[in-house]
Amino acid sequence: MERNEYFKTTGIKGRIQEAIARSVAEALETFCDQEAEFEQAIEQSGKTFQDCLNEVAKNVGGSLSDIEAYRRAVKFYFSTATVSFIMQIDLCGNNGAPPITMSKSSDNVLSISLDDLLDF
């Protein structure tokens, strides 16, 4: 089934399900882009997106965080999968670039020899 058709957010039944449908669909589509095996699990599940939303909405009290909704949706299709959440603040406007104190490789490690200190 075409992914856009599968994650269709019109005609969703249930107040909570309607409220979360769009954001859950977007998250699941992103996860499908990241992992082909996850997309395959959805395709082969035989489950509908409405079924997924119903499961996510189960036992929801007054609120449900986005990350918990995504975790429940992923688990609905792939029980061993996990969802990680990383949140950062960028006060300097680096547009996602790592701060200068972080290094992506160990090549940029600063080292000093105690022998160098003894030369003074």
C-alpha atoms as a PDB file:
ATOM      1  CA  MET A   1       0.000   0.000   0.000  1.00  0.00           C
ATOM      2  CA  GLU A   2       1.163   3.533  -0.749  1.00  0.00           C
ATOM      3  CA  ARG A   3       2.530   5.109   2.406  1.00  0.00           C
ATOM      4  CA  ASN A   4       0.566   8.353   1.963  1.00  0.00           C
ATOM      5  CA  GLU A   5      -2.615   6.327   1.675  1.00  0.00           C
ATOM      6  CA  TYR A   6      -1.791   4.150   4.679  1.00  0.00           C
ATOM      7  CA  PHE A   7      -1.108   7.111   6.988  1.00  0.00           C
ATOM      8  CA  LYS A   8      -4.170   9.010   5.808  1.00  0.00           C
ATOM      9  CA  THR A   9      -5.375  11.240   8.635  1.00  0.00           C
ATOM     10  CA  THR A  10      -8.885  11.973   7.365  1.00  0.00           C
ATOM     11  CA  GLY A  11     -11.752   9.858   8.624  1.00  0.00           C
ATOM     12  CA  ILE A  12      -9.987   8.958  11.863  1.00  0.00           C
ATOM     13  CA  LYS A  13     -12.409   8.011  14.632  1.00  0.00           C
ATOM     14  CA  GLY A  14     -11.957   9.044  18.252  1.00  0.00           C
ATOM     15  CA  ARG A  15     -11.179  12.384  19.868  1.00  0.00           C
ATOM     16  CA  ILE A  16      -7.667  11.462  21.029  1.00  0.00           C
ATOM     17  CA  GLN A  17      -6.942   9.588  17.826  1.00  0.00           C
ATOM     18  CA  GLU A  18      -7.910  12.631  15.737  1.00  0.00           C
ATOM     19  CA  ALA A  19      -5.732  14.881  17.882  1.00  0.00           C
ATOM     20  CA  ILE A  20      -2.598  12.748  17.484  1.00  0.00           C
ATOM     21  CA  ALA A  21      -3.100  11.332  13.979  1.00  0.00           C
ATOM     22  CA  ARG A  22      -1.106  13.890  11.988  1.00  0.00           C
ATOM     23  CA  SER A  23       1.944  14.036  14.247  1.00  0.00           C
ATOM     24  CA  VAL A  24       2.055  10.252  14.696  1.00  0.00           C
ATOM     25  CA  ALA A  25       1.747   9.750  10.924  1.00  0.00           C
ATOM     26  CA  GLU A  26       4.610  12.185  10.298  1.00  0.00           C
ATOM     27  CA  ALA A  27       6.798  10.463  12.897  1.00  0.00           C
ATOM     28  CA  LEU A  28       6.081   6.987  11.528  1.00  0.00           C
ATOM     29  CA  GLU A  29       6.810   8.150   7.974  1.00  0.00           C
ATOM     30  CA  THR A  30      10.126   9.570   9.159  1.00  0.00           C
ATOM     31  CA  PHE A  31      10.955   6.279  10.875  1.00  0.00           C
ATOM     32  CA  CYS A  32      10.075   4.416   7.658  1.00  0.00           C
ATOM     33  CA  ASP A  33      12.529   6.676   5.793  1.00  0.00           C
ATOM     34  CA  GLN A  34      15.193   5.860   8.382  1.00  0.00           C
ATOM     35  CA  GLU A  35      14.669   2.105   8.528  1.00  0.00           C
ATOM     36  CA  ALA A  36      13.379  -0.050   5.661  1.00  0.00           C
ATOM     37  CA  GLU A  37      12.783  -2.990   8.015  1.00  0.00           C
ATOM     38  CA  PHE A  38      10.359  -0.877  10.049  1.00  0.00           C
ATOM     39  CA  GLU A  39       8.462   0.094   6.913  1.00  0.00           C
ATOM     40  CA  GLN A  40       8.292  -3.570   5.934  1.00  0.00           C
ATOM     41  CA  ALA A  41       6.936  -4.463   9.383  1.00  0.00           C
ATOM     42  CA  ILE A  42       4.119  -1.947   8.912  1.00  0.00           C
ATOM     43  CA  GLU A  43       3.327  -3.203   5.417  1.00  0.00           C
ATOM     44  CA  GLN A  44       3.226  -6.832   6.545  1.00  0.00           C
ATOM     45  CA  SER A  45       1.371  -6.227   9.809  1.00  0.00           C
ATOM     46  CA  GLY A  46      -2.115  -6.352   8.365  1.00  0.00           C
ATOM     47  CA  LYS A  47      -3.000  -3.604  10.837  1.00  0.00           C
ATOM     48  CA  THR A  48      -4.595  -0.267   9.982  1.00  0.00           C
ATOM     49  CA  PHE A  49      -3.406   3.161  11.016  1.00  0.00           C
ATOM     50  CA  GLN A  50      -6.694   3.517  12.922  1.00  0.00           C
ATOM     51  CA  ASP A  51      -5.772   0.327  14.851  1.00  0.00           C
ATOM     52  CA  CYS A  52      -2.424   1.907  15.698  1.00  0.00           C
ATOM     53  CA  LEU A  53      -4.012   5.131  16.911  1.00  0.00           C
ATOM     54  CA  ASN A  54      -6.524   3.175  18.998  1.00  0.00           C
ATOM     55  CA  GLU A  55      -3.653   1.341  20.697  1.00  0.00           C
ATOM     56  CA  VAL A  56      -1.735   4.576  21.294  1.00  0.00           C
ATOM     57  CA  ALA A  57      -4.834   6.185  22.824  1.00  0.00           C
ATOM     58  CA  LYS A  58      -5.484   3.299  25.254  1.00  0.00           C
ATOM     59  CA  ASN A  59      -5.374   4.260  28.922  1.00  0.00           C
ATOM     60  CA  VAL A  60      -4.536   7.878  28.168  1.00  0.00           C
ATOM     61  CA  GLY A  61      -5.592  10.080  31.052  1.00  0.00           C
ATOM     62  CA  GLY A  62      -5.566  13.828  30.633  1.00  0.00           C
ATOM     63  CA  SER A  63      -2.478  14.049  28.455  1.00  0.00           C
ATOM     64  CA  LEU A  64       0.012  12.139  26.324  1.00  0.00           C
ATOM     65  CA  SER A  65       3.462  13.418  25.396  1.00  0.00           C
ATOM     66  CA  ASP A  66       4.542  13.324  21.772  1.00  0.00           C
ATOM     67  CA  ILE A  67       7.446  10.992  22.510  1.00  0.00           C
ATOM     68  CA  GLU A  68       5.173   8.547  24.362  1.00  0.00           C
ATOM     69  CA  ALA A  69       2.723   8.563  21.452  1.00  0.00           C
ATOM     70  CA  TYR A  70       5.567   7.798  19.020  1.00  0.00           C
ATOM     71  CA  ARG A  71       6.921   5.041  21.282  1.00  0.00           C
ATOM     72  CA  ARG A  72       3.516   3.393  21.540  1.00  0.00           C
ATOM     73  CA  ALA A  73       2.960   3.652  17.773  1.00  0.00           C
ATOM     74  CA  VAL A  74       6.342   2.104  16.976  1.00  0.00           C
ATOM     75  CA  LYS A  75       5.806  -0.702  19.499  1.00  0.00           C
ATOM     76  CA  PHE A  76       2.417  -1.401  17.913  1.00  0.00           C
ATOM     77  CA  TYR A  77       4.152  -2.378  14.676  1.00  0.00           C
ATOM     78  CA  PHE A  78       7.545  -3.577  15.924  1.00  0.00           C
ATOM     79  CA  SER A  79       7.507  -4.720  19.549  1.00  0.00           C
ATOM     80  CA  THR A  80      11.294  -4.748  20.044  1.00  0.00           C
ATOM     81  CA  ALA A  81      11.925  -1.289  18.596  1.00  0.00           C
ATOM     82  CA  THR A  82      12.693   1.728  20.753  1.00  0.00           C
ATOM     83  CA  VAL A  83      12.460   5.448  20.099  1.00  0.00           C
ATOM     84  CA  SER A  84      15.145   7.839  21.309  1.00  0.00           C
ATOM     85  CA  PHE A  85      14.573  11.503  21.850  1.00  0.00           C
ATOM     86  CA  ILE A  86      17.293  14.134  21.788  1.00  0.00           C
ATOM     87  CA  MET A  87      16.578  17.756  22.576  1.00  0.00           C
ATOM     88  CA  GLN A  88      19.121  20.536  22.289  1.00  0.00           C
ATOM     89  CA  ILE A  89      19.123  24.261  22.706  1.00  0.00           C
ATOM     90  CA  ASP A  90      21.295  26.427  20.486  1.00  0.00           C
ATOM     91  CA  LEU A  91      21.753  29.900  21.938  1.00  0.00           C
ATOM     92  CA  CYS A  92      24.397  30.910  19.406  1.00  0.00           C
ATOM     93  CA  GLY A  93      22.535  30.038  16.220  1.00  0.00           C
ATOM     94  CA  ASN A  94      24.981  27.373  15.049  1.00  0.00           C
ATOM     95  CA  ASN A  95      22.198  25.753  13.006  1.00  0.00           C
ATOM     96  CA  GLY A  96      22.782  22.283  14.371  1.00  0.00           C
ATOM     97  CA  ALA A  97      26.570  22.394  14.266  1.00  0.00           C
ATOM     98  CA  PRO A  98      28.148  20.800  17.335  1.00  0.00           C
ATOM     99  CA  PRO A  99      29.504  23.242  19.902  1.00  0.00           C
ATOM    100  CA  ILE A 100      33.245  23.848  19.676  1.00  0.00           C
ATOM    101  CA  THR A 101      33.722  21.866  22.868  1.00  0.00           C
ATOM    102  CA  MET A 102      32.396  18.730  21.192  1.00  0.00           C
ATOM    103  CA  SER A 103      34.413  16.722  18.742  1.00  0.00           C
ATOM    104  CA  LYS A 104      33.053  14.230  16.244  1.00  0.00           C
ATOM    105  CA  SER A 105      36.361  12.414  15.980  1.00  0.00           C
ATOM    106  CA  SER A 106      39.106  11.498  18.358  1.00  0.00           C
ATOM    107  CA  ASP A 107      41.645  13.149  16.011  1.00  0.00           C
ATOM    108  CA  ASN A 108      40.904  16.490  17.662  1.00  0.00           C
ATOM    109  CA  VAL A 109      41.776  15.358  21.181  1.00  0.00           C
ATOM    110  CA  LEU A 110      44.071  17.707  23.040  1.00  0.00           C
ATOM    111  CA  SER A 111      46.926  15.947  24.768  1.00  0.00           C
ATOM    112  CA  ILE A 112      49.878  17.189  26.741  1.00  0.00           C
ATOM    113  CA  SER A 113      52.939  15.362  27.947  1.00  0.00           C
ATOM    114  CA  LEU A 114      54.156  15.774  31.500  1.00  0.00           C
ATOM    115  CA  ASP A 115      57.672  15.886  30.016  1.00  0.00           C
ATOM    116  CA  ASP A 116      56.672  19.129  28.288  1.00  0.00           C
ATOM    117  CA  LEU A 117      55.835  20.667  31.654  1.00  0.00           C
ATOM    118  CA  LEU A 118      59.238  19.685  33.097  1.00  0.00           C
ATOM    119  CA  ASP A 119      61.069  21.598  30.358  1.00  0.00           C
ATOM    120  CA  PHE A 120      60.065  24.926  31.927  1.00  0.00           C
END
